[in-house]
């Protein structure tokens, strides 16, 4: 009787995954034009969101590479038709070939290749590679978070006054009516918004409803391993690989800001008019 293969160990797989992300990033970088429109062909998907030939090329490259690393893992990606098979698999690759496609298209460096490996819906390995930075964030569950090979931690900020917070302008404006804080520069890539909390560049981030697993999973692990967390607007922990991989409003911060942010958001909800 054949024995099953040993279970993958995130620490052992990380170098190959990181190398794959770097190669994928170079494919996209060849079509990136700093400060100018991309050289890639572009079009709109159903719903109006943009996509480029770079998104598709990176997705195809990573699908081949990562599937070879762990053939039993299912696949969930922004640029691949969803397969319900993932719901019955222990391991799932979650991929955003280019997080921040609009930034990529217009010459902003704030875009990233994102890969996470889920084990029973929980990220155990994450890579967020920003080729135009260039910065590569990596994390394994229980092993800490790195930026370009150096350990990173969130800032020890425990009040909103003086905290640097990034997010959609309507959400920041609403929060500013109740609390004093420092609005951070716009970060088009949601994954980079989270990883820049992890490395202390900013202190917190607000996420509007409709973010998907591929926007979040890799960066969520980086942030949690750096001492922060992503939660729902009600303070609940993240859940991945659900039937519909979409999320409501989210907040992200270092651990010391979790309670002040939750209290501010509660006050914000209470201040809004109730619908009859």
Protein backbone atom coordinates (compact mmCIF):
# COMPACT_ATOMS: atom_id res chain seq x y z
CA UNK A 1 0.00 0.00 0.00
CA UNK A 2 1.40 3.42 -1.00
CA UNK A 3 1.93 5.96 1.71
CA UNK A 4 0.80 9.53 1.21
CA UNK A 5 3.42 12.18 0.67
CA UNK A 6 4.63 14.17 3.70
CA UNK A 7 2.64 17.34 4.35
CA UNK A 8 4.29 20.48 3.00
CA UNK A 9 6.15 22.69 5.43
CA UNK A 10 5.70 26.40 4.78
CA UNK A 11 9.27 27.21 5.74
CA UNK A 12 10.61 24.72 3.20
CA UNK A 13 8.34 25.98 0.43
CA UNK A 14 8.87 29.71 0.96
CA UNK A 15 12.13 30.11 -1.04
CA UNK A 16 10.58 28.52 -4.13
CA UNK A 17 7.39 30.56 -3.81
CA UNK A 18 9.33 33.77 -3.35
CA UNK A 19 11.51 32.97 -6.37
CA UNK A 20 8.39 32.31 -8.43
CA UNK A 21 6.90 35.65 -7.39
CA UNK A 22 10.10 37.45 -8.34
CA UNK A 23 10.11 35.84 -11.78
CA UNK A 24 6.43 36.62 -12.22
CA UNK A 25 7.08 40.20 -11.16
CA UNK A 26 9.76 40.55 -13.84
CA UNK A 27 7.25 39.43 -16.47
CA UNK A 28 4.99 42.29 -15.42
CA UNK A 29 7.87 44.74 -14.98
CA UNK A 30 8.83 44.28 -18.64
CA UNK A 31 5.50 45.91 -19.56
CA UNK A 32 5.52 48.53 -16.78
CA UNK A 33 6.36 52.14 -17.62
CA UNK A 34 7.17 54.31 -14.55
CA UNK A 35 5.08 57.47 -14.64
CA UNK A 36 3.46 56.53 -17.94
CA UNK A 37 0.86 54.23 -19.46
CA UNK A 38 1.78 50.55 -19.55
CA UNK A 39 2.98 48.91 -22.75
CA UNK A 40 0.62 45.99 -22.03
CA UNK A 41 -2.64 45.42 -23.87
CA UNK A 42 -5.58 46.35 -21.63
CA UNK A 43 -9.31 45.69 -21.57
CA UNK A 44 -12.25 45.67 -19.14
CA UNK A 45 -13.70 42.61 -17.44
CA UNK A 46 -17.38 42.09 -16.77
CA UNK A 47 -18.27 44.68 -14.17
CA UNK A 48 -15.82 47.21 -15.57
CA UNK A 49 -12.63 46.43 -13.65
CA UNK A 50 -9.47 46.65 -15.78
CA UNK A 51 -7.18 43.79 -16.73
CA UNK A 52 -3.98 43.67 -18.76
CA UNK A 53 -2.02 41.05 -20.62
CA UNK A 54 0.47 41.26 -17.73
CA UNK A 55 -2.21 40.10 -15.25
CA UNK A 56 -3.00 37.09 -17.44
CA UNK A 57 0.65 36.26 -18.12
CA UNK A 58 1.58 36.37 -14.44
CA UNK A 59 -1.45 34.31 -13.50
CA UNK A 60 -0.61 31.61 -16.04
CA UNK A 61 3.05 31.52 -14.97
CA UNK A 62 2.20 31.21 -11.28
CA UNK A 63 -0.49 28.59 -11.88
CA UNK A 64 2.07 26.32 -13.55
CA UNK A 65 4.84 27.01 -11.01
CA UNK A 66 2.79 26.74 -7.83
CA UNK A 67 0.79 23.73 -8.96
CA UNK A 68 4.07 21.91 -9.56
CA UNK A 69 5.21 22.76 -6.03
CA UNK A 70 2.04 21.37 -4.44
CA UNK A 71 -0.10 19.43 -6.94
CA UNK A 72 -2.81 18.59 -4.38
CA UNK A 73 -3.56 22.24 -3.63
CA UNK A 74 -6.61 23.89 -5.18
CA UNK A 75 -6.43 27.27 -6.89
CA UNK A 76 -8.17 30.60 -6.29
CA UNK A 77 -7.09 33.60 -8.35
CA UNK A 78 -8.55 36.88 -9.53
CA UNK A 79 -7.84 36.00 -13.15
CA UNK A 80 -8.97 32.34 -13.19
CA UNK A 81 -12.53 31.02 -13.31
CA UNK A 82 -13.44 29.87 -9.80
CA UNK A 83 -13.64 26.12 -9.21
CA UNK A 84 -15.80 24.90 -6.32
CA UNK A 85 -13.33 22.04 -5.87
CA UNK A 86 -11.33 24.38 -3.64
CA UNK A 87 -14.02 24.16 -0.96
CA UNK A 88 -13.22 20.48 -0.39
CA UNK A 89 -9.42 20.82 -0.39
CA UNK A 90 -7.22 21.29 2.65
CA UNK A 91 -4.63 23.37 0.78
CA UNK A 92 -5.46 26.27 -1.54
CA UNK A 93 -3.19 28.65 -3.43
CA UNK A 94 -4.66 32.17 -3.36
CA UNK A 95 -3.18 34.46 -6.00
CA UNK A 96 -3.54 38.04 -7.15
CA UNK A 97 -1.25 38.30 -10.20
CA UNK A 98 -1.19 42.10 -10.01
CA UNK A 99 -2.82 43.72 -7.01
CA UNK A 100 -3.25 47.35 -8.04
CA UNK A 101 -3.81 46.90 -11.77
CA UNK A 102 -4.85 50.54 -12.23
CA UNK A 103 -1.58 51.66 -10.58
CA UNK A 104 0.36 49.33 -12.88
CA UNK A 105 -1.46 50.70 -15.92
CA UNK A 106 -0.76 54.35 -15.08
CA UNK A 107 2.88 54.05 -14.03
CA UNK A 108 2.52 54.11 -10.23
CA UNK A 109 4.93 51.74 -8.42
CA UNK A 110 2.26 50.70 -5.90
CA UNK A 111 1.32 47.29 -7.32
CA UNK A 112 2.28 43.81 -6.21
CA UNK A 113 2.28 40.10 -7.00
CA UNK A 114 0.53 38.31 -4.12
CA UNK A 115 0.59 34.60 -3.23
CA UNK A 116 -0.74 32.85 -0.13
CA UNK A 117 -1.08 29.19 0.75
CA UNK A 118 -4.10 28.32 2.87
CA UNK A 119 -4.30 25.32 5.19
CA UNK A 120 -7.95 24.68 6.14
CA UNK A 121 -8.75 28.30 5.30
CA UNK A 122 -5.86 29.81 7.26
CA UNK A 123 -2.84 31.44 5.58
CA UNK A 124 0.37 29.60 6.43
CA UNK A 125 2.64 31.20 3.82
CA UNK A 126 2.48 34.62 2.21
CA UNK A 127 4.50 36.60 -0.32
CA UNK A 128 3.73 40.16 -1.42
CA UNK A 129 6.27 41.19 -4.05
CA UNK A 130 6.31 44.81 -5.28
CA UNK A 131 8.73 44.72 -8.25
CA UNK A 132 8.70 48.47 -8.91
CA UNK A 133 9.64 49.17 -5.25
CA UNK A 134 11.45 46.94 -5.19
CA UNK A 135 10.21 45.37 -1.95
CA UNK A 136 9.36 41.77 -1.12
CA UNK A 137 7.36 40.95 1.99
CA UNK A 138 7.33 37.33 3.20
CA UNK A 139 5.80 35.48 6.11
CA UNK A 140 5.19 31.97 7.36
CA UNK A 141 2.78 31.12 10.14
CA UNK A 142 4.60 31.32 13.45
CA UNK A 143 7.84 32.39 11.79
CA UNK A 144 7.59 36.17 11.71
CA UNK A 145 7.43 38.62 8.81
CA UNK A 146 10.21 40.01 6.64
CA UNK A 147 10.72 42.88 4.22
CA UNK A 148 13.62 42.26 1.83
CA UNK A 149 14.94 39.68 4.28
CA UNK A 150 14.78 41.90 7.39
CA UNK A 151 12.33 41.32 10.28
CA UNK A 152 9.52 43.87 10.50
CA UNK A 153 7.07 44.92 13.23
CA UNK A 154 4.13 47.27 13.47
CA UNK A 155 4.60 50.58 15.29
CA UNK A 156 3.63 50.73 18.95
CA UNK A 157 0.86 53.33 18.55
CA UNK A 158 -2.10 53.05 20.90
CA UNK A 159 -4.14 56.19 20.15
CA UNK A 160 -5.69 57.45 16.93
CA UNK A 161 -4.35 60.95 17.55
CA UNK A 162 -1.12 61.01 15.56
CA UNK A 163 -1.77 57.64 13.91
CA UNK A 164 -1.19 57.49 10.16
CA UNK A 165 -4.23 55.88 8.53
CA UNK A 166 -4.76 54.99 4.87
CA UNK A 167 -7.94 54.00 3.08
CA UNK A 168 -10.71 55.13 0.72
CA UNK A 169 -11.35 58.87 1.04
CA UNK A 170 -15.06 58.55 1.97
CA UNK A 171 -14.17 56.24 4.86
CA UNK A 172 -11.35 58.51 6.06
CA UNK A 173 -13.59 61.57 5.83
CA UNK A 174 -16.29 59.87 7.90
CA UNK A 175 -13.78 58.81 10.56
CA UNK A 176 -12.25 62.31 10.63
CA UNK A 177 -15.59 63.75 11.71
CA UNK A 178 -15.23 61.85 14.98
CA UNK A 179 -11.50 61.33 15.53
CA UNK A 180 -8.22 63.14 14.98
CA UNK A 181 -5.59 61.26 12.98
CA UNK A 182 -3.13 61.75 10.10
CA UNK A 183 -4.50 60.71 6.70
CA UNK A 184 -1.79 58.78 4.86
CA UNK A 185 -1.07 59.00 1.15
CA UNK A 186 -3.28 56.85 -1.05
CA UNK A 187 -1.98 53.31 -1.54
CA UNK A 188 -3.69 51.78 -4.62
CA UNK A 189 -2.73 48.21 -3.78
CA UNK A 190 -4.72 46.82 -0.85
CA UNK A 191 -2.01 44.25 -0.15
CA UNK A 192 0.61 47.00 0.09
CA UNK A 193 -1.68 49.00 2.37
CA UNK A 194 -1.56 46.08 4.82
CA UNK A 195 2.15 45.34 4.47
CA UNK A 196 3.01 48.99 5.07
CA UNK A 197 1.22 48.71 8.38
CA UNK A 198 3.36 45.65 9.03
CA UNK A 199 6.62 47.53 8.41
CA UNK A 200 5.55 50.65 10.32
CA UNK A 201 5.25 52.98 7.31
CA UNK A 202 1.65 53.62 8.34
CA UNK A 203 -0.33 52.60 11.42
CA UNK A 204 -3.74 51.50 10.19
CA UNK A 205 -5.81 50.93 7.08
CA UNK A 206 -9.51 50.96 6.26
CA UNK A 207 -10.88 48.58 3.64
CA UNK A 208 -14.17 49.17 1.86
CA UNK A 209 -16.61 46.28 1.32
CA UNK A 210 -15.99 43.93 -1.64
CA UNK A 211 -12.31 42.98 -1.06
CA UNK A 212 -11.59 39.41 -2.13
CA UNK A 213 -9.44 36.65 -0.65
CA UNK A 214 -6.72 37.26 -3.23
CA UNK A 215 -6.45 40.94 -2.21
CA UNK A 216 -5.92 40.02 1.43
CA UNK A 217 -4.65 36.56 2.32
CA UNK A 218 -0.91 36.99 1.73
CA UNK A 219 -0.74 40.49 3.24
CA UNK A 220 -2.94 39.44 6.17
CA UNK A 221 -0.36 36.83 7.16
CA UNK A 222 2.49 39.34 6.81
CA UNK A 223 0.63 41.78 9.04
CA UNK A 224 -0.33 39.23 11.67
CA UNK A 225 3.23 37.92 11.87
CA UNK A 226 4.44 41.50 12.30
CA UNK A 227 2.18 42.08 15.30
CA UNK A 228 -0.98 43.39 13.67
CA UNK A 229 -4.31 42.06 12.51
CA UNK A 230 -7.15 42.43 10.03
CA UNK A 231 -10.70 42.20 11.36
CA UNK A 232 -14.22 42.91 10.21
CA UNK A 233 -15.91 46.14 11.19
CA UNK A 234 -17.43 44.20 14.10
CA UNK A 235 -14.04 42.96 15.28
CA UNK A 236 -14.36 39.39 13.98
CA UNK A 237 -11.36 37.48 12.66
CA UNK A 238 -10.88 36.85 8.93
CA UNK A 239 -12.16 33.68 7.26
CA UNK A 240 -10.85 32.53 3.89
CA UNK A 241 -11.87 30.02 1.22
CA UNK A 242 -15.59 30.45 1.75
CA UNK A 243 -18.09 29.76 -1.02
CA UNK A 244 -18.11 33.47 -1.90
CA UNK A 245 -14.57 34.77 -1.26
CA UNK A 246 -15.71 38.36 -0.67
CA UNK A 247 -15.54 40.44 2.52
CA UNK A 248 -17.39 43.36 4.07
CA UNK A 249 -15.78 46.41 5.60
CA UNK A 250 -12.42 45.62 7.21
CA UNK A 251 -9.92 47.40 9.42
CA UNK A 252 -6.23 46.66 9.79
CA UNK A 253 -3.73 47.93 12.33
CA UNK A 254 -1.06 47.07 14.85
CA UNK A 255 -2.41 45.24 17.89
CA UNK A 256 -2.32 48.33 20.13
CA UNK A 257 -4.68 50.24 17.82
CA UNK A 258 -7.30 47.50 17.48
CA UNK A 259 -9.43 48.63 20.44
CA UNK A 260 -9.30 52.40 19.71
CA UNK A 261 -10.22 51.74 16.07
CA UNK A 262 -13.08 49.42 17.01
CA UNK A 263 -14.46 52.00 19.44
CA UNK A 264 -14.22 54.76 16.81
CA UNK A 265 -15.98 52.64 14.20
CA UNK A 266 -18.73 51.76 16.67
CA UNK A 267 -19.30 55.46 17.32
CA UNK A 268 -19.29 56.07 13.57
CA UNK A 269 -21.99 53.46 12.98
CA UNK A 270 -24.08 54.84 15.83
CA UNK A 271 -23.82 58.37 14.43
CA UNK A 272 -25.18 57.36 11.04
CA UNK A 273 -28.93 57.83 10.39
CA UNK A 274 -30.95 54.64 10.76
CA UNK A 275 -32.93 53.55 7.71
CA UNK A 276 -36.64 53.10 8.26
